[in-house]
Amino acid sequence: MILDRTPLNLNEVQDLLKDIDAGERKEEMEMYMKKFLKTKPAQAKKIREELEVLDMIKVKREHIVKIIDLLPQDATDLNKIFIDVSLTEDETNKILEIIKSSK
């Protein structure tokens, strides 16, 4: 049953996995996490907080989650996340700077 439709980054999903009983599905999800998880929880939290502080109208929770999960390195990669809106050069640079500073 779906209780809430809040986008989660992979670090948040990994925290939720700790509460799930062991089984084949949990094992599959943990393997997926090991393969695709690029950030540590503290790094993901820092990126999220800094992006939220920017208070950009165009940047929604879904975008922040994708930025944390994918860690785009340049404007081309970042624009693949923002397919529904176009960012200005200044907005793009601010987001990329946050990602670079979090490493």
C-alpha atoms as a PDB file:
ATOM      1  CA  MET A   1       0.000   0.000   0.000  1.00  0.00           C
ATOM      2  CA  ILE A   2       1.340   3.444  -0.951  1.00  0.00           C
ATOM      3  CA  LEU A   3       1.231   5.857   1.965  1.00  0.00           C
ATOM      4  CA  ASP A   4       3.218   8.769   0.566  1.00  0.00           C
ATOM      5  CA  ARG A   5       4.597   9.812  -2.815  1.00  0.00           C
ATOM      6  CA  THR A   6       7.779  11.580  -1.748  1.00  0.00           C
ATOM      7  CA  PRO A   7      10.815  11.206  -4.024  1.00  0.00           C
ATOM      8  CA  LEU A   8      13.756   9.628  -2.203  1.00  0.00           C
ATOM      9  CA  ASN A   9      17.415   9.585  -3.119  1.00  0.00           C
ATOM     10  CA  LEU A  10      19.269   6.290  -2.928  1.00  0.00           C
ATOM     11  CA  ASN A  11      20.744   7.085   0.508  1.00  0.00           C
ATOM     12  CA  GLU A  12      17.250   7.529   1.912  1.00  0.00           C
ATOM     13  CA  VAL A  13      16.154   4.266   0.296  1.00  0.00           C
ATOM     14  CA  GLN A  14      19.144   2.524   1.811  1.00  0.00           C
ATOM     15  CA  ASP A  15      18.040   3.730   5.267  1.00  0.00           C
ATOM     16  CA  LEU A  16      14.565   2.315   4.664  1.00  0.00           C
ATOM     17  CA  LEU A  17      16.039  -1.037   3.616  1.00  0.00           C
ATOM     18  CA  LYS A  18      17.398  -1.511   7.130  1.00  0.00           C
ATOM     19  CA  ASP A  19      13.813  -1.888   8.384  1.00  0.00           C
ATOM     20  CA  ILE A  20      12.868  -4.580   5.851  1.00  0.00           C
ATOM     21  CA  ASP A  21      13.128  -8.256   6.777  1.00  0.00           C
ATOM     22  CA  ALA A  22      15.838 -10.261   5.047  1.00  0.00           C
ATOM     23  CA  GLY A  23      14.850 -11.980   1.856  1.00  0.00           C
ATOM     24  CA  GLU A  24      15.596 -12.327  -1.830  1.00  0.00           C
ATOM     25  CA  ARG A  25      14.053  -8.929  -2.715  1.00  0.00           C
ATOM     26  CA  LYS A  26      16.045  -7.145  -0.011  1.00  0.00           C
ATOM     27  CA  GLU A  27      19.215  -8.782  -1.263  1.00  0.00           C
ATOM     28  CA  GLU A  28      18.481  -7.605  -4.817  1.00  0.00           C
ATOM     29  CA  MET A  29      17.856  -4.064  -3.613  1.00  0.00           C
ATOM     30  CA  GLU A  30      21.073  -4.016  -1.590  1.00  0.00           C
ATOM     31  CA  MET A  31      23.050  -5.192  -4.625  1.00  0.00           C
ATOM     32  CA  TYR A  32      21.444  -2.414  -6.676  1.00  0.00           C
ATOM     33  CA  MET A  33      22.439   0.118  -4.014  1.00  0.00           C
ATOM     34  CA  LYS A  34      26.054  -1.053  -4.014  1.00  0.00           C
ATOM     35  CA  LYS A  35      26.168  -0.754  -7.789  1.00  0.00           C
ATOM     36  CA  PHE A  36      24.594   2.696  -8.194  1.00  0.00           C
ATOM     37  CA  LEU A  37      25.019   4.571  -4.912  1.00  0.00           C
ATOM     38  CA  LYS A  38      27.545   7.364  -5.529  1.00  0.00           C
ATOM     39  CA  THR A  39      27.229   9.449  -2.367  1.00  0.00           C
ATOM     40  CA  LYS A  40      27.639   8.976   1.344  1.00  0.00           C
ATOM     41  CA  PRO A  41      24.657   9.946   3.518  1.00  0.00           C
ATOM     42  CA  ALA A  42      26.392  13.071   4.867  1.00  0.00           C
ATOM     43  CA  GLN A  43      27.314  14.202   1.350  1.00  0.00           C
ATOM     44  CA  ALA A  44      23.762  13.656   0.096  1.00  0.00           C
ATOM     45  CA  LYS A  45      22.346  15.613   3.018  1.00  0.00           C
ATOM     46  CA  LYS A  46      24.772  18.487   2.418  1.00  0.00           C
ATOM     47  CA  ILE A  47      23.880  18.693  -1.285  1.00  0.00           C
ATOM     48  CA  ARG A  48      20.150  18.595  -0.547  1.00  0.00           C
ATOM     49  CA  GLU A  49      20.384  21.316   2.100  1.00  0.00           C
ATOM     50  CA  GLU A  50      22.493  23.597  -0.094  1.00  0.00           C
ATOM     51  CA  LEU A  51      20.165  23.171  -3.079  1.00  0.00           C
ATOM     52  CA  GLU A  52      17.140  23.911  -0.903  1.00  0.00           C
ATOM     53  CA  VAL A  53      18.830  27.073   0.419  1.00  0.00           C
ATOM     54  CA  LEU A  54      19.179  28.348  -3.161  1.00  0.00           C
ATOM     55  CA  ASP A  55      15.374  28.496  -3.199  1.00  0.00           C
ATOM     56  CA  MET A  56      15.087  28.253  -6.979  1.00  0.00           C
ATOM     57  CA  ILE A  57      11.513  27.931  -8.179  1.00  0.00           C
ATOM     58  CA  LYS A  58      12.530  25.660 -11.060  1.00  0.00           C
ATOM     59  CA  VAL A  59      14.306  23.153  -8.802  1.00  0.00           C
ATOM     60  CA  LYS A  60      11.784  20.711  -7.341  1.00  0.00           C
ATOM     61  CA  ARG A  61      12.267  17.858  -4.887  1.00  0.00           C
ATOM     62  CA  GLU A  62      12.353  15.371  -7.800  1.00  0.00           C
ATOM     63  CA  HIS A  63      15.229  17.294  -9.383  1.00  0.00           C
ATOM     64  CA  ILE A  64      17.191  17.435  -6.140  1.00  0.00           C
ATOM     65  CA  VAL A  65      16.850  13.664  -5.719  1.00  0.00           C
ATOM     66  CA  LYS A  66      18.155  13.053  -9.247  1.00  0.00           C
ATOM     67  CA  ILE A  67      21.020  15.501  -8.765  1.00  0.00           C
ATOM     68  CA  ILE A  68      22.080  13.658  -5.602  1.00  0.00           C
ATOM     69  CA  ASP A  69      21.803  10.238  -7.255  1.00  0.00           C
ATOM     70  CA  LEU A  70      23.512  11.123 -10.546  1.00  0.00           C
ATOM     71  CA  LEU A  71      25.983  13.855  -9.512  1.00  0.00           C
ATOM     72  CA  PRO A  72      26.108  15.581 -12.910  1.00  0.00           C
ATOM     73  CA  GLN A  73      29.554  16.944 -13.776  1.00  0.00           C
ATOM     74  CA  ASP A  74      28.659  19.500 -16.438  1.00  0.00           C
ATOM     75  CA  ALA A  75      25.766  21.509 -17.873  1.00  0.00           C
ATOM     76  CA  THR A  76      24.911  18.831 -20.434  1.00  0.00           C
ATOM     77  CA  ASP A  77      24.452  16.182 -17.747  1.00  0.00           C
ATOM     78  CA  LEU A  78      22.481  18.589 -15.565  1.00  0.00           C
ATOM     79  CA  ASN A  79      20.133  19.533 -18.417  1.00  0.00           C
ATOM     80  CA  LYS A  80      19.237  15.861 -18.828  1.00  0.00           C
ATOM     81  CA  ILE A  81      17.676  16.032 -15.358  1.00  0.00           C
ATOM     82  CA  PHE A  82      15.754  19.232 -16.092  1.00  0.00           C
ATOM     83  CA  ILE A  83      13.839  18.101 -19.162  1.00  0.00           C
ATOM     84  CA  ASP A  84      10.657  19.981 -18.227  1.00  0.00           C
ATOM     85  CA  VAL A  85      12.304  23.379 -17.567  1.00  0.00           C
ATOM     86  CA  SER A  86      15.387  25.168 -18.811  1.00  0.00           C
ATOM     87  CA  LEU A  87      17.910  26.564 -16.383  1.00  0.00           C
ATOM     88  CA  THR A  88      19.797  29.785 -16.885  1.00  0.00           C
ATOM     89  CA  GLU A  89      23.569  29.657 -17.049  1.00  0.00           C
ATOM     90  CA  ASP A  90      23.761  31.207 -13.573  1.00  0.00           C
ATOM     91  CA  GLU A  91      21.417  28.586 -12.081  1.00  0.00           C
ATOM     92  CA  THR A  92      23.358  25.799 -13.760  1.00  0.00           C
ATOM     93  CA  ASN A  93      26.669  27.112 -12.438  1.00  0.00           C
ATOM     94  CA  LYS A  94      25.322  27.419  -8.884  1.00  0.00           C
ATOM     95  CA  ILE A  95      24.081  23.821  -8.893  1.00  0.00           C
ATOM     96  CA  LEU A  96      27.317  22.470 -10.377  1.00  0.00           C
ATOM     97  CA  GLU A  97      29.341  24.430  -7.832  1.00  0.00           C
ATOM     98  CA  ILE A  98      27.375  22.835  -4.984  1.00  0.00           C
ATOM     99  CA  ILE A  99      28.091  19.382  -6.405  1.00  0.00           C
ATOM    100  CA  LYS A 100      31.806  20.111  -6.803  1.00  0.00           C
ATOM    101  CA  SER A 101      32.125  21.562  -3.312  1.00  0.00           C
ATOM    102  CA  SER A 102      30.472  18.525  -1.722  1.00  0.00           C
ATOM    103  CA  LYS A 103      33.167  16.101  -2.829  1.00  0.00           C
END
